[in-house]
Amino acid sequence: MCTYAFVHYKLHYVCVSCRISFKRHPSQAGHTCPRCTGTLLCAGHDFAAPRRSNRKAWSVVAVVLAAGLRYEGFEPCGCGREPKFRPRTRAQVRARRVIAARTGTPLAELLGRADPLEQTR
């Protein structure tokens, strides 16, 4: 049975500069942060926000969202139950940036891999 097919769940939206997240229904106009009036970034269905005081974790979230990735554990229809990898530490992001610079692979592709040295087929 498709998890996301019949019910329209709210998505997590994030303001990285204020380090806060909200759950909102998607809209074409976009959402603004109530604290700084900046644009909220869509983080996906399965985002778990770090504590506001954890600046290092929020810097990792900023890199992942800037690369155009979202935190999704299910496929859009909900049938696939394999959670997607996202880096959780700055060391993981740093390693993937180094490999991206050496190999010429896009950073967004390497941020989605659990093992950045693994070659995709």
C-alpha atoms as a PDB file:
ATOM      1  CA  MET A   1       0.000   0.000   0.000  1.00  0.00           C
ATOM      2  CA  CYS A   2       1.320   3.436  -0.890  1.00  0.00           C
ATOM      3  CA  THR A   3       2.093   5.545   2.175  1.00  0.00           C
ATOM      4  CA  TYR A   4       2.036   9.001   0.608  1.00  0.00           C
ATOM      5  CA  ALA A   5      -0.456   8.314  -2.198  1.00  0.00           C
ATOM      6  CA  PHE A   6      -3.793   8.850  -0.460  1.00  0.00           C
ATOM      7  CA  VAL A   7      -3.062  11.399   2.264  1.00  0.00           C
ATOM      8  CA  HIS A   8      -1.266  14.701   1.726  1.00  0.00           C
ATOM      9  CA  TYR A   9       1.112  14.901   4.649  1.00  0.00           C
ATOM     10  CA  LYS A  10       2.810  18.090   5.753  1.00  0.00           C
ATOM     11  CA  LEU A  11       6.447  18.609   4.798  1.00  0.00           C
ATOM     12  CA  HIS A  12       9.224  19.908   7.008  1.00  0.00           C
ATOM     13  CA  TYR A  13      10.400  23.411   6.110  1.00  0.00           C
ATOM     14  CA  VAL A  14      13.642  24.793   7.527  1.00  0.00           C
ATOM     15  CA  CYS A  15      15.181  28.209   8.115  1.00  0.00           C
ATOM     16  CA  VAL A  16      18.897  27.451   8.374  1.00  0.00           C
ATOM     17  CA  SER A  17      19.906  30.938   9.520  1.00  0.00           C
ATOM     18  CA  CYS A  18      17.444  30.853  12.458  1.00  0.00           C
ATOM     19  CA  ARG A  19      17.975  27.103  12.965  1.00  0.00           C
ATOM     20  CA  ILE A  20      14.264  26.264  13.240  1.00  0.00           C
ATOM     21  CA  SER A  21      11.894  23.978  11.375  1.00  0.00           C
ATOM     22  CA  PHE A  22       8.157  23.919  10.745  1.00  0.00           C
ATOM     23  CA  LYS A  23       5.676  21.483   9.245  1.00  0.00           C
ATOM     24  CA  ARG A  24       3.575  23.027   6.504  1.00  0.00           C
ATOM     25  CA  HIS A  25       1.487  21.891   3.575  1.00  0.00           C
ATOM     26  CA  PRO A  26       3.302  22.488   0.267  1.00  0.00           C
ATOM     27  CA  SER A  27       2.354  25.625  -1.649  1.00  0.00           C
ATOM     28  CA  GLN A  28       3.395  27.245  -4.911  1.00  0.00           C
ATOM     29  CA  ALA A  29       4.002  30.636  -3.265  1.00  0.00           C
ATOM     30  CA  GLY A  30       6.550  29.227  -0.808  1.00  0.00           C
ATOM     31  CA  HIS A  31       6.795  29.827   2.907  1.00  0.00           C
ATOM     32  CA  THR A  32       8.599  32.530   4.865  1.00  0.00           C
ATOM     33  CA  CYS A  33      10.269  32.318   8.250  1.00  0.00           C
ATOM     34  CA  PRO A  34       8.281  34.088  10.982  1.00  0.00           C
ATOM     35  CA  ARG A  35      11.497  35.199  12.715  1.00  0.00           C
ATOM     36  CA  CYS A  36      13.648  36.583   9.884  1.00  0.00           C
ATOM     37  CA  THR A  37      11.146  36.662   6.960  1.00  0.00           C
ATOM     38  CA  GLY A  38      13.590  34.623   4.873  1.00  0.00           C
ATOM     39  CA  THR A  39      12.529  31.822   2.579  1.00  0.00           C
ATOM     40  CA  LEU A  40      12.022  28.423   4.200  1.00  0.00           C
ATOM     41  CA  LEU A  41      13.699  25.465   2.474  1.00  0.00           C
ATOM     42  CA  CYS A  42      11.782  22.243   1.995  1.00  0.00           C
ATOM     43  CA  ALA A  43      13.536  19.459   3.934  1.00  0.00           C
ATOM     44  CA  GLY A  44      11.177  16.604   3.047  1.00  0.00           C
ATOM     45  CA  HIS A  45       8.859  14.278   4.922  1.00  0.00           C
ATOM     46  CA  ASP A  46      11.386  12.582   7.209  1.00  0.00           C
ATOM     47  CA  PHE A  47      13.580  15.434   8.449  1.00  0.00           C
ATOM     48  CA  ALA A  48      14.629  15.318  12.103  1.00  0.00           C
ATOM     49  CA  ALA A  49      15.746  18.769  13.191  1.00  0.00           C
ATOM     50  CA  PRO A  50      18.836  18.999  15.395  1.00  0.00           C
ATOM     51  CA  ARG A  51      18.770  21.131  18.521  1.00  0.00           C
ATOM     52  CA  ARG A  52      18.948  24.847  17.891  1.00  0.00           C
ATOM     53  CA  SER A  53      22.193  25.092  19.885  1.00  0.00           C
ATOM     54  CA  ASN A  54      23.945  22.460  17.723  1.00  0.00           C
ATOM     55  CA  ARG A  55      25.571  24.699  15.106  1.00  0.00           C
ATOM     56  CA  LYS A  56      27.661  21.897  13.615  1.00  0.00           C
ATOM     57  CA  ALA A  57      24.634  19.742  12.837  1.00  0.00           C
ATOM     58  CA  TRP A  58      22.816  22.710  11.302  1.00  0.00           C
ATOM     59  CA  SER A  59      25.828  23.416   9.071  1.00  0.00           C
ATOM     60  CA  VAL A  60      25.507  19.852   7.730  1.00  0.00           C
ATOM     61  CA  VAL A  61      21.771  20.379   7.140  1.00  0.00           C
ATOM     62  CA  ALA A  62      22.586  23.588   5.252  1.00  0.00           C
ATOM     63  CA  VAL A  63      25.036  21.779   2.949  1.00  0.00           C
ATOM     64  CA  VAL A  64      22.590  18.952   2.219  1.00  0.00           C
ATOM     65  CA  LEU A  65      19.708  21.321   1.445  1.00  0.00           C
ATOM     66  CA  ALA A  66      21.928  23.630  -0.613  1.00  0.00           C
ATOM     67  CA  ALA A  67      22.881  20.636  -2.754  1.00  0.00           C
ATOM     68  CA  GLY A  68      19.202  20.189  -3.587  1.00  0.00           C
ATOM     69  CA  LEU A  69      18.639  17.029  -1.542  1.00  0.00           C
ATOM     70  CA  ARG A  70      15.764  16.362   0.823  1.00  0.00           C
ATOM     71  CA  TYR A  71      15.354  14.065   3.784  1.00  0.00           C
ATOM     72  CA  GLU A  72      13.051  11.372   2.439  1.00  0.00           C
ATOM     73  CA  GLY A  73      12.785   7.856   3.833  1.00  0.00           C
ATOM     74  CA  PHE A  74      10.111   6.643   1.435  1.00  0.00           C
ATOM     75  CA  GLU A  75       9.761   6.895  -2.289  1.00  0.00           C
ATOM     76  CA  PRO A  76       7.271   9.614  -3.354  1.00  0.00           C
ATOM     77  CA  CYS A  77       4.528   7.003  -3.704  1.00  0.00           C
ATOM     78  CA  GLY A  78       5.531   5.407  -0.389  1.00  0.00           C
ATOM     79  CA  CYS A  79       6.186   1.910  -1.696  1.00  0.00           C
ATOM     80  CA  GLY A  80       9.966   1.887  -1.238  1.00  0.00           C
ATOM     81  CA  ARG A  81      10.928   1.553   2.399  1.00  0.00           C
ATOM     82  CA  GLU A  82      14.696   1.987   2.115  1.00  0.00           C
ATOM     83  CA  PRO A  83      15.829   5.147   3.930  1.00  0.00           C
ATOM     84  CA  LYS A  84      18.127   7.364   1.929  1.00  0.00           C
ATOM     85  CA  PHE A  85      21.547   8.209   3.342  1.00  0.00           C
ATOM     86  CA  ARG A  86      22.287  11.797   4.354  1.00  0.00           C
ATOM     87  CA  PRO A  87      25.491  12.841   6.134  1.00  0.00           C
ATOM     88  CA  ARG A  88      25.131  13.652   9.814  1.00  0.00           C
ATOM     89  CA  THR A  89      28.580  15.057  10.658  1.00  0.00           C
ATOM     90  CA  ARG A  90      30.858  17.676   9.187  1.00  0.00           C
ATOM     91  CA  ALA A  91      33.555  15.021   8.741  1.00  0.00           C
ATOM     92  CA  GLN A  92      31.265  13.069   6.417  1.00  0.00           C
ATOM     93  CA  VAL A  93      30.549  16.232   4.407  1.00  0.00           C
ATOM     94  CA  ARG A  94      34.255  17.113   4.272  1.00  0.00           C
ATOM     95  CA  ALA A  95      35.180  13.636   2.989  1.00  0.00           C
ATOM     96  CA  ARG A  96      32.553  13.844   0.264  1.00  0.00           C
ATOM     97  CA  ARG A  97      33.734  17.312  -0.804  1.00  0.00           C
ATOM     98  CA  VAL A  98      37.308  16.038  -1.144  1.00  0.00           C
ATOM     99  CA  ILE A  99      36.198  13.065  -3.235  1.00  0.00           C
ATOM    100  CA  ALA A 100      33.975  15.311  -5.380  1.00  0.00           C
ATOM    101  CA  ALA A 101      36.932  17.604  -6.078  1.00  0.00           C
ATOM    102  CA  ARG A 102      39.229  14.689  -6.940  1.00  0.00           C
ATOM    103  CA  THR A 103      36.851  12.710  -9.137  1.00  0.00           C
ATOM    104  CA  GLY A 104      34.702  15.453 -10.634  1.00  0.00           C
ATOM    105  CA  THR A 105      31.532  13.776  -9.369  1.00  0.00           C
ATOM    106  CA  PRO A 106      28.774  16.233  -8.392  1.00  0.00           C
ATOM    107  CA  LEU A 107      28.622  16.848  -4.646  1.00  0.00           C
ATOM    108  CA  ALA A 108      24.875  16.176  -4.510  1.00  0.00           C
ATOM    109  CA  GLU A 109      25.431  12.664  -5.838  1.00  0.00           C
ATOM    110  CA  LEU A 110      28.124  11.909  -3.247  1.00  0.00           C
ATOM    111  CA  LEU A 111      26.051  13.320  -0.366  1.00  0.00           C
ATOM    112  CA  GLY A 112      23.413  10.694  -1.139  1.00  0.00           C
ATOM    113  CA  ARG A 113      25.818   7.756  -0.902  1.00  0.00           C
ATOM    114  CA  ALA A 114      26.630   5.920   2.320  1.00  0.00           C
ATOM    115  CA  ASP A 115      30.036   4.997   0.886  1.00  0.00           C
ATOM    116  CA  PRO A 116      31.368   7.877  -1.226  1.00  0.00           C
ATOM    117  CA  LEU A 117      34.015   5.684  -2.886  1.00  0.00           C
ATOM    118  CA  GLU A 118      31.439   3.188  -4.155  1.00  0.00           C
ATOM    119  CA  GLN A 119      30.922   3.435  -7.896  1.00  0.00           C
ATOM    120  CA  THR A 120      27.358   3.508  -9.170  1.00  0.00           C
ATOM    121  CA  ARG A 121      26.519   1.264 -12.104  1.00  0.00           C
END
